[in-house]
C-alpha atoms as a PDB file:
ATOM      1  CA  MET A   1      -4.893  40.581   2.539  1.00  0.00           C
ATOM      2  CA  SER A   2      -7.186  40.312  -0.452  1.00  0.00           C
ATOM      3  CA  HIS A   3      -7.411  36.498  -0.664  1.00  0.00           C
ATOM      4  CA  PRO A   4      -6.721  35.015   2.788  1.00  0.00           C
ATOM      5  CA  HIS A   5      -7.319  31.403   1.689  1.00  0.00           C
ATOM      6  CA  GLN A   6      -4.872  31.400  -1.215  1.00  0.00           C
ATOM      7  CA  PRO A   7      -1.341  30.164  -0.558  1.00  0.00           C
ATOM      8  CA  THR A   8       1.327  32.840  -0.407  1.00  0.00           C
ATOM      9  CA  CYS A   9       4.288  30.497  -0.767  1.00  0.00           C
ATOM     10  CA  GLY A  10       5.056  26.898  -1.549  1.00  0.00           C
ATOM     11  CA  ILE A  11       4.365  24.680  -4.532  1.00  0.00           C
ATOM     12  CA  VAL A  12       1.103  24.661  -6.436  1.00  0.00           C
ATOM     13  CA  ARG A  13       1.324  21.033  -7.463  1.00  0.00           C
ATOM     14  CA  ASP A  14      -1.680  21.114  -9.761  1.00  0.00           C
ATOM     15  CA  LEU A  15       0.156  23.560 -12.010  1.00  0.00           C
ATOM     16  CA  LEU A  16       3.425  21.629 -12.231  1.00  0.00           C
ATOM     17  CA  ASP A  17       4.333  19.687 -15.332  1.00  0.00           C
ATOM     18  CA  PRO A  18       5.167  16.106 -14.217  1.00  0.00           C
ATOM     19  CA  VAL A  19       8.517  16.408 -16.022  1.00  0.00           C
ATOM     20  CA  MET A  20       9.482  19.154 -13.566  1.00  0.00           C
ATOM     21  CA  TYR A  21       9.706  16.551 -10.786  1.00  0.00           C
ATOM     22  CA  GLU A  22      12.423  14.814 -12.805  1.00  0.00           C
ATOM     23  CA  THR A  23      14.425  17.914 -13.768  1.00  0.00           C
ATOM     24  CA  ILE A  24      14.428  20.236 -10.727  1.00  0.00           C
ATOM     25  CA  PRO A  25      16.633  18.983  -7.856  1.00  0.00           C
ATOM     26  CA  PRO A  26      14.463  20.274  -4.952  1.00  0.00           C
ATOM     27  CA  LEU A  27      11.415  18.607  -6.510  1.00  0.00           C
ATOM     28  CA  GLN A  28      13.395  15.385  -6.975  1.00  0.00           C
ATOM     29  CA  ALA A  29      14.237  15.459  -3.266  1.00  0.00           C
ATOM     30  CA  LEU A  30      10.588  16.107  -2.384  1.00  0.00           C
ATOM     31  CA  LYS A  31       9.478  13.166  -4.505  1.00  0.00           C
ATOM     32  CA  ARG A  32      11.999  10.883  -2.742  1.00  0.00           C
ATOM     33  CA  LEU A  33      10.832  12.074   0.692  1.00  0.00           C
ATOM     34  CA  GLU A  34       7.199  11.489  -0.199  1.00  0.00           C
ATOM     35  CA  ALA A  35       8.011   7.954  -1.365  1.00  0.00           C
ATOM     36  CA  ASP A  36       9.368   7.212   2.134  1.00  0.00           C
ATOM     37  CA  LEU A  37       6.217   8.414   3.929  1.00  0.00           C
ATOM     38  CA  PRO A  38       3.820   5.785   5.262  1.00  0.00           C
ATOM     39  CA  ALA A  39       0.683   5.311   3.180  1.00  0.00           C
ATOM     40  CA  ARG A  40      -2.352   7.232   4.371  1.00  0.00           C
END
């Protein structure tokens, strides 16, 4: 493993265009789930 601290799967949110949350169904579902989480 050349870079053990880098993610190997998942979403790199910093690289996503905000419009992608509105156009990709799995990201839409993620956004809805996050809205239901209690505030930290």
